[in-house]
Amino acid sequence: MGNISSLIGNNQQYIQPGGVDYNAATNKNLLPAGWTDGYIESAEIRDTKSGTGQYIYIAWRTLDGQHLVHDHINIKNANSVAVDIGLRTLGTIARALGFESIDDTEQLNGREIAARLAIEESGGWPAHNVIKAYAKISTTRPKRAGDLDKTRHQIRGNENRNQQANFRQDDIPADQIPF
């Protein structure tokens, strides 16, 4: 098992991969950017390449089983900002799954959770999906990342139009009109 709480307390424990064939998971069919429902197929604690830190490796799979996306959540790192981001992400996952906290990576395995995906191309690697956020599976959440921005823009636009409609020039005394 991967006891997260004891790891943060400098006691290192690990879990073995849960029978996931990570090499077979290199499906090049990219998912579109946006929210997608899936589940955590496997979660385990791994050492960083430098050996100076540790992260939670998550294998997240779509509900249809066709796509696998990998995520890394820093929990022990020389960069305190990376750890802070990692712990906040872990907190988001905990809330989305209905936990007050996560003490062991075993709690994550097999749990359904939505992920906001993006497409990245970096370091000479071909384009691939990355997870930008997690949330509880919901039918009320926008299905694509752009939908939320459009909704916010529409709300702001309506607010501005309402403010302009309520504004009448004769509401301002003549000595305060700047022209």
C-alpha atoms as a PDB file:
ATOM      1  CA  MET A   1       0.000   0.000   0.000  1.00  0.00           C
ATOM      2  CA  GLY A   2       1.079   3.601  -0.472  1.00  0.00           C
ATOM      3  CA  ASN A   3       0.524   5.297   2.825  1.00  0.00           C
ATOM      4  CA  ILE A   4       0.567   8.985   1.937  1.00  0.00           C
ATOM      5  CA  SER A   5       0.276  10.375   5.455  1.00  0.00           C
ATOM      6  CA  SER A   6       3.290   8.446   6.699  1.00  0.00           C
ATOM      7  CA  LEU A   7       5.273   9.375   3.576  1.00  0.00           C
ATOM      8  CA  ILE A   8       4.816  13.042   4.212  1.00  0.00           C
ATOM      9  CA  GLY A   9       6.062  12.293   7.729  1.00  0.00           C
ATOM     10  CA  ASN A  10       9.322  10.909   6.165  1.00  0.00           C
ATOM     11  CA  ASN A  11       8.347   7.236   6.528  1.00  0.00           C
ATOM     12  CA  GLN A  12       8.505   5.813   2.995  1.00  0.00           C
ATOM     13  CA  GLN A  13       6.135   3.026   1.944  1.00  0.00           C
ATOM     14  CA  TYR A  14       5.203   1.919  -1.557  1.00  0.00           C
ATOM     15  CA  ILE A  15       2.563  -0.109  -3.347  1.00  0.00           C
ATOM     16  CA  GLN A  16       3.123  -2.330  -6.353  1.00  0.00           C
ATOM     17  CA  PRO A  17       1.475  -1.434  -9.664  1.00  0.00           C
ATOM     18  CA  GLY A  18      -2.023  -2.898  -9.881  1.00  0.00           C
ATOM     19  CA  GLY A  19      -1.489  -5.058 -12.969  1.00  0.00           C
ATOM     20  CA  VAL A  20      -1.688  -2.115 -15.384  1.00  0.00           C
ATOM     21  CA  ASP A  21       0.221  -2.512 -18.636  1.00  0.00           C
ATOM     22  CA  TYR A  22       1.535   1.031 -18.951  1.00  0.00           C
ATOM     23  CA  ASN A  23       3.344   0.341 -22.233  1.00  0.00           C
ATOM     24  CA  ALA A  24       0.091  -0.735 -23.911  1.00  0.00           C
ATOM     25  CA  ALA A  25      -1.498   2.536 -22.827  1.00  0.00           C
ATOM     26  CA  THR A  26       0.177   4.665 -25.494  1.00  0.00           C
ATOM     27  CA  ASN A  27      -3.000   5.046 -27.555  1.00  0.00           C
ATOM     28  CA  LYS A  28      -2.328   7.982 -29.878  1.00  0.00           C
ATOM     29  CA  ASN A  29      -6.020   8.794 -30.299  1.00  0.00           C
ATOM     30  CA  LEU A  30      -6.245  12.038 -28.402  1.00  0.00           C
ATOM     31  CA  LEU A  31      -9.324  13.021 -26.474  1.00  0.00           C
ATOM     32  CA  PRO A  32     -10.607  16.555 -27.046  1.00  0.00           C
ATOM     33  CA  ALA A  33      -9.761  19.157 -24.429  1.00  0.00           C
ATOM     34  CA  GLY A  34     -12.433  19.501 -21.765  1.00  0.00           C
ATOM     35  CA  TRP A  35     -14.176  17.531 -19.036  1.00  0.00           C
ATOM     36  CA  THR A  36     -14.327  13.756 -19.452  1.00  0.00           C
ATOM     37  CA  ASP A  37     -15.690  11.148 -17.057  1.00  0.00           C
ATOM     38  CA  GLY A  38     -13.446   8.260 -16.074  1.00  0.00           C
ATOM     39  CA  TYR A  39     -11.945   6.389 -13.167  1.00  0.00           C
ATOM     40  CA  ILE A  40      -8.618   5.962 -11.447  1.00  0.00           C
ATOM     41  CA  GLU A  41      -7.348   2.627 -12.680  1.00  0.00           C
ATOM     42  CA  SER A  42      -4.213   2.665 -10.555  1.00  0.00           C
ATOM     43  CA  ALA A  43      -2.479   4.979  -8.100  1.00  0.00           C
ATOM     44  CA  GLU A  44       0.943   4.440  -6.586  1.00  0.00           C
ATOM     45  CA  ILE A  45       3.772   6.354  -4.977  1.00  0.00           C
ATOM     46  CA  ARG A  46       6.937   6.671  -7.078  1.00  0.00           C
ATOM     47  CA  ASP A  47      10.352   8.277  -6.686  1.00  0.00           C
ATOM     48  CA  THR A  48      11.302  11.232  -8.882  1.00  0.00           C
ATOM     49  CA  LYS A  49      14.050  10.659 -11.473  1.00  0.00           C
ATOM     50  CA  SER A  50      16.464  12.649  -9.331  1.00  0.00           C
ATOM     51  CA  GLY A  51      15.658  10.480  -6.318  1.00  0.00           C
ATOM     52  CA  THR A  52      15.129  13.536  -4.130  1.00  0.00           C
ATOM     53  CA  GLY A  53      11.338  13.537  -4.140  1.00  0.00           C
ATOM     54  CA  GLN A  54       8.228  11.462  -4.564  1.00  0.00           C
ATOM     55  CA  TYR A  55       4.933  11.771  -6.394  1.00  0.00           C
ATOM     56  CA  ILE A  56       1.656   9.926  -6.749  1.00  0.00           C
ATOM     57  CA  TYR A  57       1.423   8.371 -10.189  1.00  0.00           C
ATOM     58  CA  ILE A  58      -2.197   8.112 -11.365  1.00  0.00           C
ATOM     59  CA  ALA A  59      -3.393   6.055 -14.324  1.00  0.00           C
ATOM     60  CA  TRP A  60      -6.798   7.561 -15.198  1.00  0.00           C
ATOM     61  CA  ARG A  61      -8.975   5.776 -17.759  1.00  0.00           C
ATOM     62  CA  THR A  62     -12.113   6.934 -19.569  1.00  0.00           C
ATOM     63  CA  LEU A  63     -15.321   5.136 -18.617  1.00  0.00           C
ATOM     64  CA  ASP A  64     -15.442   3.460 -22.044  1.00  0.00           C
ATOM     65  CA  GLY A  65     -11.991   1.983 -21.333  1.00  0.00           C
ATOM     66  CA  GLN A  66     -10.515   3.306 -24.587  1.00  0.00           C
ATOM     67  CA  HIS A  67      -8.099   5.970 -23.309  1.00  0.00           C
ATOM     68  CA  LEU A  68      -5.535   6.048 -20.531  1.00  0.00           C
ATOM     69  CA  VAL A  69      -4.035   9.330 -19.290  1.00  0.00           C
ATOM     70  CA  HIS A  70      -1.157   9.547 -16.830  1.00  0.00           C
ATOM     71  CA  ASP A  71      -0.855  12.139 -14.069  1.00  0.00           C
ATOM     72  CA  HIS A  72       1.851  12.953 -11.530  1.00  0.00           C
ATOM     73  CA  ILE A  73       1.032  14.661  -8.244  1.00  0.00           C
ATOM     74  CA  ASN A  74       4.060  15.906  -6.304  1.00  0.00           C
ATOM     75  CA  ILE A  75       3.900  15.152  -2.590  1.00  0.00           C
ATOM     76  CA  LYS A  76       7.588  15.394  -1.665  1.00  0.00           C
ATOM     77  CA  ASN A  77       9.865  17.742  -3.579  1.00  0.00           C
ATOM     78  CA  ALA A  78      12.567  20.341  -2.994  1.00  0.00           C
ATOM     79  CA  ASN A  79      10.280  22.851  -4.716  1.00  0.00           C
ATOM     80  CA  SER A  80       7.699  23.827  -2.089  1.00  0.00           C
ATOM     81  CA  VAL A  81       5.400  25.317  -4.753  1.00  0.00           C
ATOM     82  CA  ALA A  82       5.244  21.935  -6.528  1.00  0.00           C
ATOM     83  CA  VAL A  83       4.335  20.248  -3.228  1.00  0.00           C
ATOM     84  CA  ASP A  84       1.684  22.887  -2.489  1.00  0.00           C
ATOM     85  CA  ILE A  85       0.096  22.379  -5.923  1.00  0.00           C
ATOM     86  CA  GLY A  86       0.253  18.607  -5.476  1.00  0.00           C
ATOM     87  CA  LEU A  87      -1.383  18.670  -2.060  1.00  0.00           C
ATOM     88  CA  ARG A  88      -4.129  21.002  -3.307  1.00  0.00           C
ATOM     89  CA  THR A  89      -4.750  18.629  -6.226  1.00  0.00           C
ATOM     90  CA  LEU A  90      -4.905  15.709  -3.802  1.00  0.00           C
ATOM     91  CA  GLY A  91      -7.418  17.685  -1.712  1.00  0.00           C
ATOM     92  CA  THR A  92      -9.532  18.324  -4.811  1.00  0.00           C
ATOM     93  CA  ILE A  93      -9.499  14.611  -5.620  1.00  0.00           C
ATOM     94  CA  ALA A  94     -10.472  13.769  -2.029  1.00  0.00           C
ATOM     95  CA  ARG A  95     -13.461  16.143  -2.106  1.00  0.00           C
ATOM     96  CA  ALA A  96     -14.545  14.887  -5.539  1.00  0.00           C
ATOM     97  CA  LEU A  97     -14.531  11.320  -4.216  1.00  0.00           C
ATOM     98  CA  GLY A  98     -16.332  12.258  -1.004  1.00  0.00           C
ATOM     99  CA  PHE A  99     -13.349  11.818   1.355  1.00  0.00           C
ATOM    100  CA  GLU A 100     -12.270  14.279   4.007  1.00  0.00           C
ATOM    101  CA  SER A 101      -8.678  13.216   3.398  1.00  0.00           C
ATOM    102  CA  ILE A 102      -6.713  10.545   1.569  1.00  0.00           C
ATOM    103  CA  ASP A 103      -4.307   8.548   3.682  1.00  0.00           C
ATOM    104  CA  ASP A 104      -3.444   5.770   1.242  1.00  0.00           C
ATOM    105  CA  THR A 105      -3.305   5.541  -2.547  1.00  0.00           C
ATOM    106  CA  GLU A 106      -5.404   2.376  -2.321  1.00  0.00           C
ATOM    107  CA  GLN A 107      -8.390   4.651  -1.556  1.00  0.00           C
ATOM    108  CA  LEU A 108      -8.141   6.035  -5.113  1.00  0.00           C
ATOM    109  CA  ASN A 109      -8.096   2.789  -7.093  1.00  0.00           C
ATOM    110  CA  GLY A 110     -11.267   2.070  -9.054  1.00  0.00           C
ATOM    111  CA  ARG A 111     -12.976   5.348  -8.093  1.00  0.00           C
ATOM    112  CA  GLU A 112     -14.928   7.262 -10.742  1.00  0.00           C
ATOM    113  CA  ILE A 113     -13.851  10.879 -11.186  1.00  0.00           C
ATOM    114  CA  ALA A 114     -14.023  13.450 -13.968  1.00  0.00           C
ATOM    115  CA  ALA A 115     -10.869  15.004 -15.372  1.00  0.00           C
ATOM    116  CA  ARG A 116     -10.410  18.232 -17.314  1.00  0.00           C
ATOM    117  CA  LEU A 117      -8.094  17.263 -20.145  1.00  0.00           C
ATOM    118  CA  ALA A 118      -5.802  19.364 -22.264  1.00  0.00           C
ATOM    119  CA  ILE A 119      -3.531  18.483 -25.167  1.00  0.00           C
ATOM    120  CA  GLU A 120       0.183  19.181 -24.780  1.00  0.00           C
ATOM    121  CA  GLU A 121       3.203  18.687 -26.956  1.00  0.00           C
ATOM    122  CA  SER A 122       6.508  19.084 -25.156  1.00  0.00           C
ATOM    123  CA  GLY A 123      10.072  17.893 -24.890  1.00  0.00           C
ATOM    124  CA  GLY A 124      10.101  16.374 -28.351  1.00  0.00           C
ATOM    125  CA  TRP A 125       7.246  14.041 -27.436  1.00  0.00           C
ATOM    126  CA  PRO A 126       4.190  13.856 -29.669  1.00  0.00           C
ATOM    127  CA  ALA A 127       0.945  15.516 -28.614  1.00  0.00           C
ATOM    128  CA  HIS A 128      -0.711  13.781 -25.677  1.00  0.00           C
ATOM    129  CA  ASN A 129      -3.503  14.342 -23.182  1.00  0.00           C
ATOM    130  CA  VAL A 130      -2.717  15.742 -19.746  1.00  0.00           C
ATOM    131  CA  ILE A 131      -4.988  16.174 -16.750  1.00  0.00           C
ATOM    132  CA  LYS A 132      -5.420  19.784 -15.621  1.00  0.00           C
ATOM    133  CA  ALA A 133      -8.109  19.334 -12.951  1.00  0.00           C
ATOM    134  CA  TYR A 134     -10.347  16.797 -11.247  1.00  0.00           C
ATOM    135  CA  ALA A 135     -14.006  17.025 -10.224  1.00  0.00           C
ATOM    136  CA  LYS A 136     -16.907  14.918  -9.067  1.00  0.00           C
ATOM    137  CA  ILE A 137     -18.708  13.301 -11.990  1.00  0.00           C
ATOM    138  CA  SER A 138     -21.650  15.585 -12.686  1.00  0.00           C
ATOM    139  CA  THR A 139     -24.215  16.197 -15.387  1.00  0.00           C
ATOM    140  CA  THR A 140     -24.289  19.945 -14.664  1.00  0.00           C
ATOM    141  CA  ARG A 141     -20.611  20.613 -15.401  1.00  0.00           C
ATOM    142  CA  PRO A 142     -19.676  21.969 -18.844  1.00  0.00           C
ATOM    143  CA  LYS A 143     -18.601  19.108 -21.100  1.00  0.00           C
ATOM    144  CA  ARG A 144     -15.825  21.079 -22.809  1.00  0.00           C
ATOM    145  CA  ALA A 145     -13.326  23.484 -21.320  1.00  0.00           C
ATOM    146  CA  GLY A 146     -14.418  26.315 -23.633  1.00  0.00           C
ATOM    147  CA  ASP A 147     -18.060  26.031 -22.545  1.00  0.00           C
ATOM    148  CA  LEU A 148     -17.275  27.474 -19.125  1.00  0.00           C
ATOM    149  CA  ASP A 149     -15.428  30.452 -20.612  1.00  0.00           C
ATOM    150  CA  LYS A 150     -18.320  31.108 -23.025  1.00  0.00           C
ATOM    151  CA  THR A 151     -20.812  30.945 -20.164  1.00  0.00           C
ATOM    152  CA  ARG A 152     -18.736  33.375 -18.068  1.00  0.00           C
ATOM    153  CA  HIS A 153     -18.407  35.724 -21.047  1.00  0.00           C
ATOM    154  CA  GLN A 154     -22.160  35.617 -21.672  1.00  0.00           C
ATOM    155  CA  ILE A 155     -22.900  36.360 -18.007  1.00  0.00           C
ATOM    156  CA  ARG A 156     -20.444  39.267 -17.973  1.00  0.00           C
ATOM    157  CA  GLY A 157     -21.898  40.546 -21.263  1.00  0.00           C
ATOM    158  CA  ASN A 158     -25.428  40.437 -19.865  1.00  0.00           C
ATOM    159  CA  GLU A 159     -24.312  42.244 -16.699  1.00  0.00           C
ATOM    160  CA  ASN A 160     -22.654  44.977 -18.760  1.00  0.00           C
ATOM    161  CA  ARG A 161     -25.727  45.374 -20.979  1.00  0.00           C
ATOM    162  CA  ASN A 162     -27.959  45.561 -17.896  1.00  0.00           C
ATOM    163  CA  GLN A 163     -25.733  48.221 -16.355  1.00  0.00           C
ATOM    164  CA  GLN A 164     -25.739  50.200 -19.598  1.00  0.00           C
ATOM    165  CA  ALA A 165     -29.511  49.873 -19.957  1.00  0.00           C
ATOM    166  CA  ASN A 166     -30.028  51.151 -16.420  1.00  0.00           C
ATOM    167  CA  PHE A 167     -27.702  54.104 -16.980  1.00  0.00           C
ATOM    168  CA  ARG A 168     -29.329  57.227 -18.347  1.00  0.00           C
ATOM    169  CA  GLN A 169     -27.351  60.333 -19.101  1.00  0.00           C
ATOM    170  CA  ASP A 170     -29.957  62.611 -17.509  1.00  0.00           C
ATOM    171  CA  ASP A 171     -29.232  60.829 -14.173  1.00  0.00           C
ATOM    172  CA  ILE A 172     -25.933  62.771 -14.047  1.00  0.00           C
ATOM    173  CA  PRO A 173     -25.957  66.471 -13.186  1.00  0.00           C
ATOM    174  CA  ALA A 174     -24.824  68.618 -16.157  1.00  0.00           C
ATOM    175  CA  ASP A 175     -21.772  69.941 -14.296  1.00  0.00           C
ATOM    176  CA  GLN A 176     -20.379  66.372 -13.923  1.00  0.00           C
ATOM    177  CA  ILE A 177     -20.529  65.388 -17.619  1.00  0.00           C
ATOM    178  CA  PRO A 178     -16.888  65.310 -18.779  1.00  0.00           C
ATOM    179  CA  PHE A 179     -17.483  66.729 -22.288  1.00  0.00           C
END
